Amino acid sequence: MNISYKLMSSLSFEDAHVLFNRGFEGYLVPMHLSFDTFVSRFGNAGLSPALSIVAYDGSEPIGFVLQGVREVNDQMISWNGGTGIIPEYRGKKLGASMMAEAEKLIKKQKVTVATLESLSENLAAISLYERSGYIVEDDLLFLRADTILNSSLPDLGGYEISRIPAEQSIGSDLFPQIVPWQTDAQYTSKIGGEAVMISKNGVVQGACIIRKQCVFGINAESITLYQVKENGNEDALNKLLAYALEYDQSINRTTYNFLKGDGRVVSSLLESGFEKTSLSQVFMTKHF
């Protein structure tokens, strides 16, 4: 093999699209994106062809690492938005060198924390990332509930629910900074995210980030829960979730890359009628 590396910006989008689909061919959860979806992924997810690398064997592109960088409160954070190798080059120990090459680019951007997610079942990938210096921070859960969970919403009893566009929470202390990329307010704001808060006497007791799929004037078809921050007030937490996720409606509710944390929020969701799905990931970070 004659392995070399170039920026993904050296490829046309058409060639990069073919490489992406071949790179995920046959994986535990294969990804086969249409051309338009692949191209929009860069803008929607904040990925950069100038920060992503392509591995070549001679003149043939054989693998890639997609990356993006964002600034949060003066801290540069990166995200690995996909690592793939075409089937005939797997098992040739290319992963570590690809990760090392990709890391050079984010270091030039003064990144202090690199993040990624990996399927929990993909032990080979997790092992590769650990050898590259990443550690598992938490489990990421995908829960769902499709029916009415409570015939009526609980009485607020002095609490107050408020909602703002997710983008208005960027830079605040409502939510943590180091989270799975696609659950952060900077990402969810691009897809219509909301921050929902529960307060008492003007003090926020809990908050969450959600996205509702709906047509104006019509009840929501689905709600995705990305993050919850709470302070141990179980009563406030349960009421926040009931109102934010509309427990009194028959709609599709899911969590996406949801941090397990200490398990308190997950327990509340499960006790309310959510169920675990077969999909789970791990959240990994590397500090420089």
Protein backbone atom coordinates (compact mmCIF):
# COMPACT_ATOMS: atom_id res chain seq x y z
CA MET A 1 0.00 0.00 0.00
CA ASN A 2 1.07 3.56 -0.71
CA ILE A 3 -0.96 5.53 1.83
CA SER A 4 -1.17 9.32 1.72
CA TYR A 5 -3.60 11.90 3.07
CA LYS A 6 -5.34 14.94 1.64
CA LEU A 7 -8.09 17.28 2.77
CA MET A 8 -11.60 16.23 1.83
CA SER A 9 -11.86 19.55 0.02
CA SER A 10 -9.54 17.99 -2.59
CA LEU A 11 -12.45 15.74 -3.66
CA SER A 12 -15.54 16.81 -5.54
CA PHE A 13 -18.74 16.45 -3.55
CA GLU A 14 -19.78 13.70 -5.96
CA ASP A 15 -16.62 11.67 -5.27
CA ALA A 16 -16.82 12.39 -1.53
CA HIS A 17 -20.42 11.14 -1.53
CA VAL A 18 -19.43 7.85 -3.16
CA LEU A 19 -16.56 7.42 -0.67
CA PHE A 20 -18.85 8.15 2.30
CA ASN A 21 -21.41 5.52 1.33
CA ARG A 22 -18.73 2.93 0.57
CA GLY A 23 -16.97 3.75 3.84
CA PHE A 24 -20.08 2.85 5.85
CA GLU A 25 -21.02 -0.13 3.71
CA GLY A 26 -21.65 -3.27 5.79
CA TYR A 27 -21.31 -1.56 9.19
CA LEU A 28 -23.53 -2.46 12.15
CA VAL A 29 -25.77 0.45 11.19
CA PRO A 30 -25.04 1.08 7.50
CA MET A 31 -25.41 4.66 6.29
CA HIS A 32 -26.40 5.21 2.69
CA LEU A 33 -27.18 8.87 2.16
CA SER A 34 -28.58 10.51 -0.92
CA PHE A 35 -26.33 13.09 -2.54
CA ASP A 36 -28.45 16.03 -1.31
CA THR A 37 -28.56 14.65 2.25
CA PHE A 38 -24.79 14.10 2.23
CA VAL A 39 -24.07 17.66 1.07
CA SER A 40 -26.53 19.21 3.54
CA ARG A 41 -24.91 17.21 6.36
CA PHE A 42 -21.88 19.50 6.19
CA GLY A 43 -23.88 22.68 6.71
CA ASN A 44 -26.47 21.28 9.12
CA ALA A 45 -23.97 19.44 11.31
CA GLY A 46 -21.19 22.02 11.11
CA LEU A 47 -18.73 19.69 9.39
CA SER A 48 -15.90 21.14 7.31
CA PRO A 49 -14.25 19.62 4.19
CA ALA A 50 -11.20 21.73 5.07
CA LEU A 51 -10.93 20.00 8.48
CA SER A 52 -11.78 16.49 7.23
CA ILE A 53 -9.21 14.10 5.77
CA VAL A 54 -9.24 11.47 3.04
CA ALA A 55 -6.83 8.52 2.99
CA TYR A 56 -5.55 7.42 -0.42
CA ASP A 57 -3.83 4.30 -1.64
CA GLY A 58 -2.02 5.76 -4.58
CA SER A 59 -4.70 7.74 -6.38
CA GLU A 60 -7.68 5.81 -4.93
CA PRO A 61 -9.58 7.31 -1.97
CA ILE A 62 -10.07 4.55 0.59
CA GLY A 63 -11.11 6.16 3.89
CA PHE A 64 -12.06 9.38 5.62
CA VAL A 65 -12.50 11.21 8.91
CA LEU A 66 -15.15 13.96 8.93
CA GLN A 67 -14.63 16.77 11.43
CA GLY A 68 -16.09 20.04 12.57
CA VAL A 69 -15.01 22.63 15.13
CA ARG A 70 -17.10 25.07 17.15
CA GLU A 71 -16.31 27.67 19.79
CA VAL A 72 -18.15 27.54 23.10
CA ASN A 73 -17.36 30.21 25.70
CA ASP A 74 -13.86 30.79 24.26
CA GLN A 75 -13.17 27.03 24.15
CA MET A 76 -12.63 25.25 20.83
CA ILE A 77 -14.40 21.88 20.65
CA SER A 78 -14.23 19.41 17.77
CA TRP A 79 -16.50 16.60 16.64
CA ASN A 80 -15.72 13.49 14.65
CA GLY A 81 -18.76 13.29 12.39
CA GLY A 82 -17.85 9.94 10.84
CA THR A 83 -14.85 7.67 10.30
CA GLY A 84 -15.06 5.13 7.49
CA ILE A 85 -12.89 2.80 5.43
CA ILE A 86 -14.05 1.06 2.25
CA PRO A 87 -14.60 -2.69 2.78
CA GLU A 88 -11.53 -4.05 0.97
CA TYR A 89 -9.16 -1.96 3.13
CA ARG A 90 -10.60 -2.83 6.53
CA GLY A 91 -8.46 -4.88 8.89
CA LYS A 92 -5.25 -3.31 7.59
CA LYS A 93 -4.70 -1.14 10.69
CA LEU A 94 -5.36 2.15 8.91
CA GLY A 95 -7.66 3.58 11.58
CA ALA A 96 -4.99 4.78 14.00
CA SER A 97 -2.99 6.62 11.34
CA MET A 98 -6.18 8.22 9.98
CA MET A 99 -7.12 9.46 13.45
CA ALA A 100 -3.61 10.83 14.01
CA GLU A 101 -3.69 12.67 10.69
CA ALA A 102 -7.11 14.14 11.41
CA GLU A 103 -5.96 15.24 14.86
CA LYS A 104 -3.24 17.43 13.32
CA LEU A 105 -5.92 19.59 11.71
CA ILE A 106 -7.98 20.21 14.83
CA LYS A 107 -4.87 20.99 16.86
CA LYS A 108 -4.13 23.79 14.40
CA GLN A 109 -7.56 25.18 15.28
CA LYS A 110 -6.57 25.31 18.98
CA VAL A 111 -9.07 22.61 19.90
CA THR A 112 -8.88 21.70 23.59
CA VAL A 113 -11.55 18.97 23.62
CA ALA A 114 -12.24 16.48 20.82
CA THR A 115 -15.53 14.56 20.93
CA LEU A 116 -17.12 11.64 19.11
CA GLU A 117 -19.82 9.02 19.43
CA SER A 118 -19.56 5.32 18.65
CA LEU A 119 -22.11 2.52 18.61
CA SER A 120 -21.95 0.61 21.90
CA GLU A 121 -21.74 -2.69 20.00
CA ASN A 122 -18.82 -1.54 17.86
CA LEU A 123 -16.12 -2.67 20.26
CA ALA A 124 -13.42 -2.54 17.57
CA ALA A 125 -14.10 1.14 16.91
CA ILE A 126 -14.24 1.98 20.63
CA SER A 127 -10.91 0.19 21.11
CA LEU A 128 -9.39 2.18 18.22
CA TYR A 129 -10.54 5.46 19.74
CA GLU A 130 -9.22 4.48 23.17
CA ARG A 131 -5.83 3.68 21.65
CA SER A 132 -5.98 7.14 20.09
CA GLY A 133 -6.40 8.71 23.53
CA TYR A 134 -10.18 9.00 23.88
CA ILE A 135 -12.06 7.95 26.99
CA VAL A 136 -15.70 6.91 27.36
CA GLU A 137 -17.55 9.66 29.21
CA ASP A 138 -21.09 8.26 29.23
CA ASP A 139 -23.67 6.07 27.56
CA LEU A 140 -26.04 7.63 25.03
CA LEU A 141 -29.59 6.31 25.01
CA PHE A 142 -32.36 6.26 22.43
CA LEU A 143 -35.70 5.93 24.25
CA ARG A 144 -39.17 6.17 22.80
CA ALA A 145 -42.83 6.52 23.79
CA ASP A 146 -45.64 6.64 21.23
CA THR A 147 -48.84 6.87 23.26
CA ILE A 148 -50.56 9.10 25.79
CA LEU A 149 -48.47 8.84 28.95
CA ASN A 150 -50.82 10.77 31.22
CA SER A 151 -54.44 11.65 30.57
CA SER A 152 -53.83 15.16 31.89
CA LEU A 153 -50.77 17.25 32.65
CA PRO A 154 -49.87 17.67 36.33
CA ASP A 155 -50.85 20.81 38.19
CA LEU A 156 -47.89 23.19 38.15
CA GLY A 157 -48.45 24.12 41.80
CA GLY A 158 -46.55 27.38 41.75
CA TYR A 159 -44.08 26.40 39.06
CA GLU A 160 -43.93 28.21 35.74
CA ILE A 161 -43.10 26.77 32.31
CA SER A 162 -41.39 28.99 29.72
CA ARG A 163 -40.02 28.34 26.25
CA ILE A 164 -37.39 30.10 24.15
CA PRO A 165 -35.68 29.23 20.84
CA ALA A 166 -32.70 26.97 21.57
CA GLU A 167 -30.33 29.52 20.04
CA GLN A 168 -31.16 31.97 22.82
CA SER A 169 -29.61 29.56 25.34
CA ILE A 170 -26.24 29.52 23.56
CA GLY A 171 -23.55 30.93 25.83
CA SER A 172 -25.71 30.69 28.94
CA ASP A 173 -25.21 28.31 31.86
CA LEU A 174 -28.53 26.55 31.20
CA PHE A 175 -26.79 23.55 29.62
CA PRO A 176 -23.29 22.01 29.81
CA GLN A 177 -20.65 22.75 27.15
CA ILE A 178 -19.21 19.29 26.51
CA VAL A 179 -22.07 17.22 25.12
CA PRO A 180 -22.69 15.08 22.04
CA TRP A 181 -22.42 17.46 19.08
CA GLN A 182 -25.93 17.06 17.71
CA THR A 183 -27.58 17.68 21.09
CA ASP A 184 -25.94 21.06 21.67
CA ALA A 185 -27.99 24.23 21.31
CA GLN A 186 -25.74 25.40 18.47
CA TYR A 187 -26.89 22.39 16.45
CA THR A 188 -30.49 22.04 17.59
CA SER A 189 -31.15 25.73 16.90
CA LYS A 190 -30.62 24.96 13.20
CA ILE A 191 -33.44 22.43 13.20
CA GLY A 192 -36.04 24.38 15.16
CA GLY A 193 -34.96 23.48 18.68
CA GLU A 194 -36.58 24.90 21.81
CA ALA A 195 -35.27 25.32 25.33
CA VAL A 196 -38.05 24.61 27.85
CA MET A 197 -37.58 25.76 31.44
CA ILE A 198 -39.41 25.25 34.70
CA SER A 199 -39.02 27.96 37.34
CA LYS A 200 -40.28 28.79 40.80
CA ASN A 201 -40.09 32.28 42.28
CA GLY A 202 -37.94 33.31 39.33
CA VAL A 203 -35.36 30.55 39.86
CA VAL A 204 -34.88 27.96 37.14
CA GLN A 205 -35.31 24.45 38.58
CA GLY A 206 -34.68 22.52 35.36
CA ALA A 207 -34.41 22.91 31.61
CA CYS A 208 -34.38 20.76 28.49
CA ILE A 209 -33.74 21.06 24.77
CA ILE A 210 -36.34 19.58 22.45
CA ARG A 211 -37.37 19.71 18.81
CA LYS A 212 -41.01 19.51 17.80
CA GLN A 213 -42.09 18.38 14.36
CA CYS A 214 -45.31 20.18 13.62
CA VAL A 215 -47.20 22.42 11.26
CA PHE A 216 -48.18 25.82 12.64
CA GLY A 217 -51.59 25.64 14.30
CA ILE A 218 -51.64 21.83 14.40
CA ASN A 219 -50.60 19.56 17.30
CA ALA A 220 -47.05 18.23 17.17
CA GLU A 221 -46.45 14.97 15.30
CA SER A 222 -43.28 14.15 17.21
CA ILE A 223 -40.94 15.54 19.86
CA THR A 224 -37.23 14.73 20.21
CA LEU A 225 -35.50 15.24 23.56
CA TYR A 226 -31.79 16.11 23.37
CA GLN A 227 -30.74 17.36 26.79
CA VAL A 228 -32.02 17.83 30.32
CA LYS A 229 -30.34 19.77 33.08
CA GLU A 230 -31.87 19.49 36.54
CA ASN A 231 -30.88 20.25 40.11
CA GLY A 232 -32.23 17.22 41.98
CA ASN A 233 -35.74 18.62 42.39
CA GLU A 234 -37.68 15.50 41.37
CA ASP A 235 -41.06 17.21 41.40
CA ALA A 236 -39.85 19.98 39.08
CA LEU A 237 -38.12 17.45 36.80
CA ASN A 238 -41.23 15.31 36.37
CA LYS A 239 -43.40 18.33 35.62
CA LEU A 240 -40.85 19.74 33.18
CA LEU A 241 -40.75 16.49 31.21
CA ALA A 242 -44.54 16.13 31.23
CA TYR A 243 -45.06 19.60 29.76
CA ALA A 244 -42.08 19.65 27.40
CA LEU A 245 -42.86 16.21 25.99
CA GLU A 246 -46.64 16.67 26.08
CA TYR A 247 -47.47 13.52 28.04
CA ASP A 248 -51.19 14.10 27.48
CA GLN A 249 -50.91 13.79 23.68
CA SER A 250 -50.68 10.69 21.48
CA ILE A 251 -47.47 11.54 19.62
CA ASN A 252 -44.10 9.99 18.86
CA ARG A 253 -41.48 10.91 21.47
CA THR A 254 -37.82 9.96 21.25
CA THR A 255 -34.54 10.81 22.88
CA TYR A 256 -31.49 11.33 20.68
CA ASN A 257 -27.93 10.63 21.87
CA PHE A 258 -29.26 11.24 25.36
CA LEU A 259 -26.62 11.25 28.10
CA LYS A 260 -27.41 8.67 30.77
CA GLY A 261 -25.71 10.72 33.47
CA ASP A 262 -26.58 9.65 37.01
CA GLY A 263 -29.71 7.94 35.68
CA ARG A 264 -32.23 10.18 37.43
CA VAL A 265 -33.72 11.66 34.25
CA VAL A 266 -33.69 8.30 32.48
CA SER A 267 -35.49 6.70 35.43
CA SER A 268 -38.17 9.40 35.30
CA LEU A 269 -38.69 8.81 31.58
CA LEU A 270 -38.88 5.03 31.98
CA GLU A 271 -41.30 5.30 34.91
CA SER A 272 -43.49 7.58 32.79
CA GLY A 273 -43.76 5.01 30.01
CA PHE A 274 -40.72 5.41 27.79
CA GLU A 275 -39.03 2.25 26.57
CA LYS A 276 -35.44 1.50 25.65
CA THR A 277 -34.63 0.75 22.02
CA SER A 278 -31.92 -1.57 20.70
CA LEU A 279 -29.75 1.38 19.66
CA SER A 280 -27.20 2.91 22.02
CA GLN A 281 -23.90 4.73 21.70
CA VAL A 282 -21.04 5.89 23.87
CA PHE A 283 -19.84 9.47 24.16
CA MET A 284 -16.06 9.82 24.06
CA THR A 285 -13.71 12.77 24.57
CA LYS A 286 -10.01 13.55 24.31
CA HIS A 287 -8.52 16.57 26.05
CA PHE A 288 -5.44 18.35 24.73
